[in-house]
């Protein structure tokens, strides 16, 4: 994801009960952290509230970030997603969200990145 690293936080929200999946997520997070990405694995032992519950628990970590983009596990945004989306939102202050298209892929983890105004999904999901 092309964006200044000091303004980017990737959170992998995982509430899986499968040990193999959790290990895979942990390995991938470590791999990306070693590449210099500001990334954290947020595993929780319960599924209270399902996806919304996981997002609510992760919210406390994004207070210092201006925008939030949320991608499901099978989305792969283009590297320039934020570079294309954030300027549009800044130029249009009355716009809360922007409808975007993403590529479905087999990525085995969920990403929650930078923090507070933008939530983006592909065309089959609601944008907030």
C-alpha atoms as a PDB file:
ATOM      1  CA  UNK A   1       0.000   0.000   0.000  1.00  0.00           C
ATOM      2  CA  UNK A   2       1.560   3.269  -1.099  1.00  0.00           C
ATOM      3  CA  UNK A   3       1.201   5.717   1.784  1.00  0.00           C
ATOM      4  CA  UNK A   4       3.616   7.305   4.259  1.00  0.00           C
ATOM      5  CA  UNK A   5       4.444   4.597   6.774  1.00  0.00           C
ATOM      6  CA  UNK A   6       4.118   6.978   9.727  1.00  0.00           C
ATOM      7  CA  UNK A   7       0.493   7.597   8.656  1.00  0.00           C
ATOM      8  CA  UNK A   8      -0.408   3.958   7.999  1.00  0.00           C
ATOM      9  CA  UNK A   9      -1.487   1.273  10.437  1.00  0.00           C
ATOM     10  CA  UNK A  10      -2.547  -2.122   9.172  1.00  0.00           C
ATOM     11  CA  UNK A  11      -4.511  -4.178  11.661  1.00  0.00           C
ATOM     12  CA  UNK A  12      -5.223  -7.806  10.960  1.00  0.00           C
ATOM     13  CA  UNK A  13      -8.397  -8.673  12.858  1.00  0.00           C
ATOM     14  CA  UNK A  14      -8.575 -12.357  13.574  1.00  0.00           C
ATOM     15  CA  UNK A  15     -11.083 -14.170  15.735  1.00  0.00           C
ATOM     16  CA  UNK A  16     -10.553 -17.565  14.169  1.00  0.00           C
ATOM     17  CA  UNK A  17     -10.558 -20.641  16.337  1.00  0.00           C
ATOM     18  CA  UNK A  18      -8.359 -22.608  13.944  1.00  0.00           C
ATOM     19  CA  UNK A  19      -4.763 -22.845  15.207  1.00  0.00           C
ATOM     20  CA  UNK A  20      -3.423 -23.311  11.676  1.00  0.00           C
ATOM     21  CA  UNK A  21      -5.147 -20.127  10.478  1.00  0.00           C
ATOM     22  CA  UNK A  22      -3.874 -18.178  13.470  1.00  0.00           C
ATOM     23  CA  UNK A  23      -0.305 -19.334  12.822  1.00  0.00           C
ATOM     24  CA  UNK A  24      -0.612 -18.393   9.150  1.00  0.00           C
ATOM     25  CA  UNK A  25      -1.877 -14.931  10.098  1.00  0.00           C
ATOM     26  CA  UNK A  26       0.903 -14.451  12.655  1.00  0.00           C
ATOM     27  CA  UNK A  27       3.548 -15.520  10.107  1.00  0.00           C
ATOM     28  CA  UNK A  28       2.200 -13.140   7.442  1.00  0.00           C
ATOM     29  CA  UNK A  29       2.019 -10.230   9.887  1.00  0.00           C
ATOM     30  CA  UNK A  30       5.622 -10.869  10.931  1.00  0.00           C
ATOM     31  CA  UNK A  31       6.692 -11.088   7.278  1.00  0.00           C
ATOM     32  CA  UNK A  32       5.126  -7.695   6.484  1.00  0.00           C
ATOM     33  CA  UNK A  33       6.479  -6.123   9.677  1.00  0.00           C
ATOM     34  CA  UNK A  34       9.984  -7.239   8.662  1.00  0.00           C
ATOM     35  CA  UNK A  35       9.414  -5.436   5.345  1.00  0.00           C
ATOM     36  CA  UNK A  36       8.825  -2.225   7.295  1.00  0.00           C
ATOM     37  CA  UNK A  37       5.020  -2.139   7.340  1.00  0.00           C
ATOM     38  CA  UNK A  38       3.370  -0.809  10.487  1.00  0.00           C
ATOM     39  CA  UNK A  39       1.176  -3.877  10.994  1.00  0.00           C
ATOM     40  CA  UNK A  40      -0.383  -5.507  14.045  1.00  0.00           C
ATOM     41  CA  UNK A  41      -2.216  -8.772  14.549  1.00  0.00           C
ATOM     42  CA  UNK A  42      -5.323  -8.295  16.698  1.00  0.00           C
ATOM     43  CA  UNK A  43      -6.506 -11.757  17.691  1.00  0.00           C
ATOM     44  CA  UNK A  44      -9.448 -12.061  20.020  1.00  0.00           C
ATOM     45  CA  UNK A  45     -10.613 -15.160  21.815  1.00  0.00           C
ATOM     46  CA  UNK A  46     -14.311 -14.487  21.328  1.00  0.00           C
ATOM     47  CA  UNK A  47     -16.542 -13.733  18.363  1.00  0.00           C
ATOM     48  CA  UNK A  48     -18.893 -11.396  20.228  1.00  0.00           C
ATOM     49  CA  UNK A  49     -20.495  -9.106  17.675  1.00  0.00           C
ATOM     50  CA  UNK A  50     -18.732 -10.979  14.856  1.00  0.00           C
ATOM     51  CA  UNK A  51     -17.130  -8.587  12.337  1.00  0.00           C
ATOM     52  CA  UNK A  52     -18.669  -5.485  13.935  1.00  0.00           C
ATOM     53  CA  UNK A  53     -17.359  -6.596  17.324  1.00  0.00           C
ATOM     54  CA  UNK A  54     -13.848  -7.039  15.956  1.00  0.00           C
ATOM     55  CA  UNK A  55     -13.988  -3.571  14.369  1.00  0.00           C
ATOM     56  CA  UNK A  56     -15.201  -2.011  17.604  1.00  0.00           C
ATOM     57  CA  UNK A  57     -12.343  -3.610  19.539  1.00  0.00           C
ATOM     58  CA  UNK A  58      -9.799  -2.408  16.954  1.00  0.00           C
ATOM     59  CA  UNK A  59     -11.166   1.137  16.934  1.00  0.00           C
ATOM     60  CA  UNK A  60      -9.165   2.211  19.995  1.00  0.00           C
ATOM     61  CA  UNK A  61      -5.915   1.742  18.058  1.00  0.00           C
ATOM     62  CA  UNK A  62      -6.788   4.174  15.259  1.00  0.00           C
ATOM     63  CA  UNK A  63      -7.394   7.379  17.199  1.00  0.00           C
ATOM     64  CA  UNK A  64      -4.310   9.051  15.694  1.00  0.00           C
ATOM     65  CA  UNK A  65      -5.245   8.251  12.105  1.00  0.00           C
ATOM     66  CA  UNK A  66      -7.398  10.494   9.946  1.00  0.00           C
ATOM     67  CA  UNK A  67      -8.887   7.840   7.645  1.00  0.00           C
ATOM     68  CA  UNK A  68      -9.940   4.212   7.843  1.00  0.00           C
ATOM     69  CA  UNK A  69     -10.099   1.694   5.015  1.00  0.00           C
ATOM     70  CA  UNK A  70     -11.535  -1.728   5.757  1.00  0.00           C
ATOM     71  CA  UNK A  71     -10.955  -4.709   3.494  1.00  0.00           C
ATOM     72  CA  UNK A  72     -12.315  -8.190   3.902  1.00  0.00           C
ATOM     73  CA  UNK A  73     -10.015 -11.198   3.766  1.00  0.00           C
ATOM     74  CA  UNK A  74     -10.555 -11.812   0.042  1.00  0.00           C
ATOM     75  CA  UNK A  75      -9.935  -8.223  -1.142  1.00  0.00           C
ATOM     76  CA  UNK A  76      -6.707  -7.017  -2.654  1.00  0.00           C
ATOM     77  CA  UNK A  77      -6.712  -3.260  -3.166  1.00  0.00           C
ATOM     78  CA  UNK A  78      -4.402  -1.739  -5.738  1.00  0.00           C
ATOM     79  CA  UNK A  79      -1.175  -0.405  -4.233  1.00  0.00           C
ATOM     80  CA  UNK A  80      -2.267   3.155  -5.030  1.00  0.00           C
ATOM     81  CA  UNK A  81      -5.719   2.748  -3.469  1.00  0.00           C
ATOM     82  CA  UNK A  82      -5.113   5.364  -0.757  1.00  0.00           C
ATOM     83  CA  UNK A  83      -3.355   7.738  -3.166  1.00  0.00           C
ATOM     84  CA  UNK A  84      -6.399   7.606  -5.434  1.00  0.00           C
ATOM     85  CA  UNK A  85      -9.067   7.709  -2.711  1.00  0.00           C
ATOM     86  CA  UNK A  86      -7.889  10.100   0.008  1.00  0.00           C
ATOM     87  CA  UNK A  87      -7.412  13.137  -2.278  1.00  0.00           C
ATOM     88  CA  UNK A  88     -10.965  12.647  -3.578  1.00  0.00           C
ATOM     89  CA  UNK A  89     -12.318  12.697  -0.028  1.00  0.00           C
ATOM     90  CA  UNK A  90     -10.274  15.778   0.867  1.00  0.00           C
ATOM     91  CA  UNK A  91     -11.503  17.610  -2.237  1.00  0.00           C
ATOM     92  CA  UNK A  92     -15.104  16.685  -1.425  1.00  0.00           C
ATOM     93  CA  UNK A  93     -15.572  17.329   2.315  1.00  0.00           C
ATOM     94  CA  UNK A  94     -19.309  16.535   2.174  1.00  0.00           C
ATOM     95  CA  UNK A  95     -18.551  13.007   0.967  1.00  0.00           C
ATOM     96  CA  UNK A  96     -18.398  10.425   3.753  1.00  0.00           C
ATOM     97  CA  UNK A  97     -17.310   7.520   1.561  1.00  0.00           C
ATOM     98  CA  UNK A  98     -16.266   6.660  -1.934  1.00  0.00           C
ATOM     99  CA  UNK A  99     -17.461   3.630  -3.855  1.00  0.00           C
ATOM    100  CA  UNK A 100     -14.420   1.729  -5.085  1.00  0.00           C
ATOM    101  CA  UNK A 101     -13.709  -1.493  -6.899  1.00  0.00           C
ATOM    102  CA  UNK A 102     -11.239  -4.022  -5.569  1.00  0.00           C
ATOM    103  CA  UNK A 103      -9.894  -7.308  -6.811  1.00  0.00           C
ATOM    104  CA  UNK A 104     -10.972 -10.495  -5.086  1.00  0.00           C
ATOM    105  CA  UNK A 105      -8.113 -12.757  -4.154  1.00  0.00           C
ATOM    106  CA  UNK A 106      -7.238 -15.570  -1.785  1.00  0.00           C
ATOM    107  CA  UNK A 107      -5.509 -13.431   0.870  1.00  0.00           C
ATOM    108  CA  UNK A 108      -5.777 -15.346   4.161  1.00  0.00           C
ATOM    109  CA  UNK A 109      -6.190 -12.356   6.466  1.00  0.00           C
ATOM    110  CA  UNK A 110      -8.210  -9.177   6.971  1.00  0.00           C
ATOM    111  CA  UNK A 111      -6.772  -5.693   6.812  1.00  0.00           C
ATOM    112  CA  UNK A 112      -7.912  -2.649   8.671  1.00  0.00           C
ATOM    113  CA  UNK A 113      -5.756   0.313   7.822  1.00  0.00           C
ATOM    114  CA  UNK A 114      -5.436   4.039   8.576  1.00  0.00           C
ATOM    115  CA  UNK A 115      -8.017   5.602  10.760  1.00  0.00           C
ATOM    116  CA  UNK A 116     -11.328   7.420  11.044  1.00  0.00           C
ATOM    117  CA  UNK A 117     -13.291   8.655   8.026  1.00  0.00           C
ATOM    118  CA  UNK A 118     -13.171   6.149   5.169  1.00  0.00           C
ATOM    119  CA  UNK A 119     -14.456   2.626   4.962  1.00  0.00           C
ATOM    120  CA  UNK A 120     -14.081   1.058   1.533  1.00  0.00           C
ATOM    121  CA  UNK A 121     -15.326  -2.238   0.153  1.00  0.00           C
ATOM    122  CA  UNK A 122     -15.812  -3.553  -3.343  1.00  0.00           C
ATOM    123  CA  UNK A 123     -19.018  -2.974  -5.315  1.00  0.00           C
ATOM    124  CA  UNK A 124     -20.881  -5.784  -3.554  1.00  0.00           C
ATOM    125  CA  UNK A 125     -20.459  -4.213  -0.116  1.00  0.00           C
ATOM    126  CA  UNK A 126     -21.715  -1.072   1.547  1.00  0.00           C
ATOM    127  CA  UNK A 127     -19.276   1.823   1.813  1.00  0.00           C
ATOM    128  CA  UNK A 128     -19.391   4.037   4.897  1.00  0.00           C
END
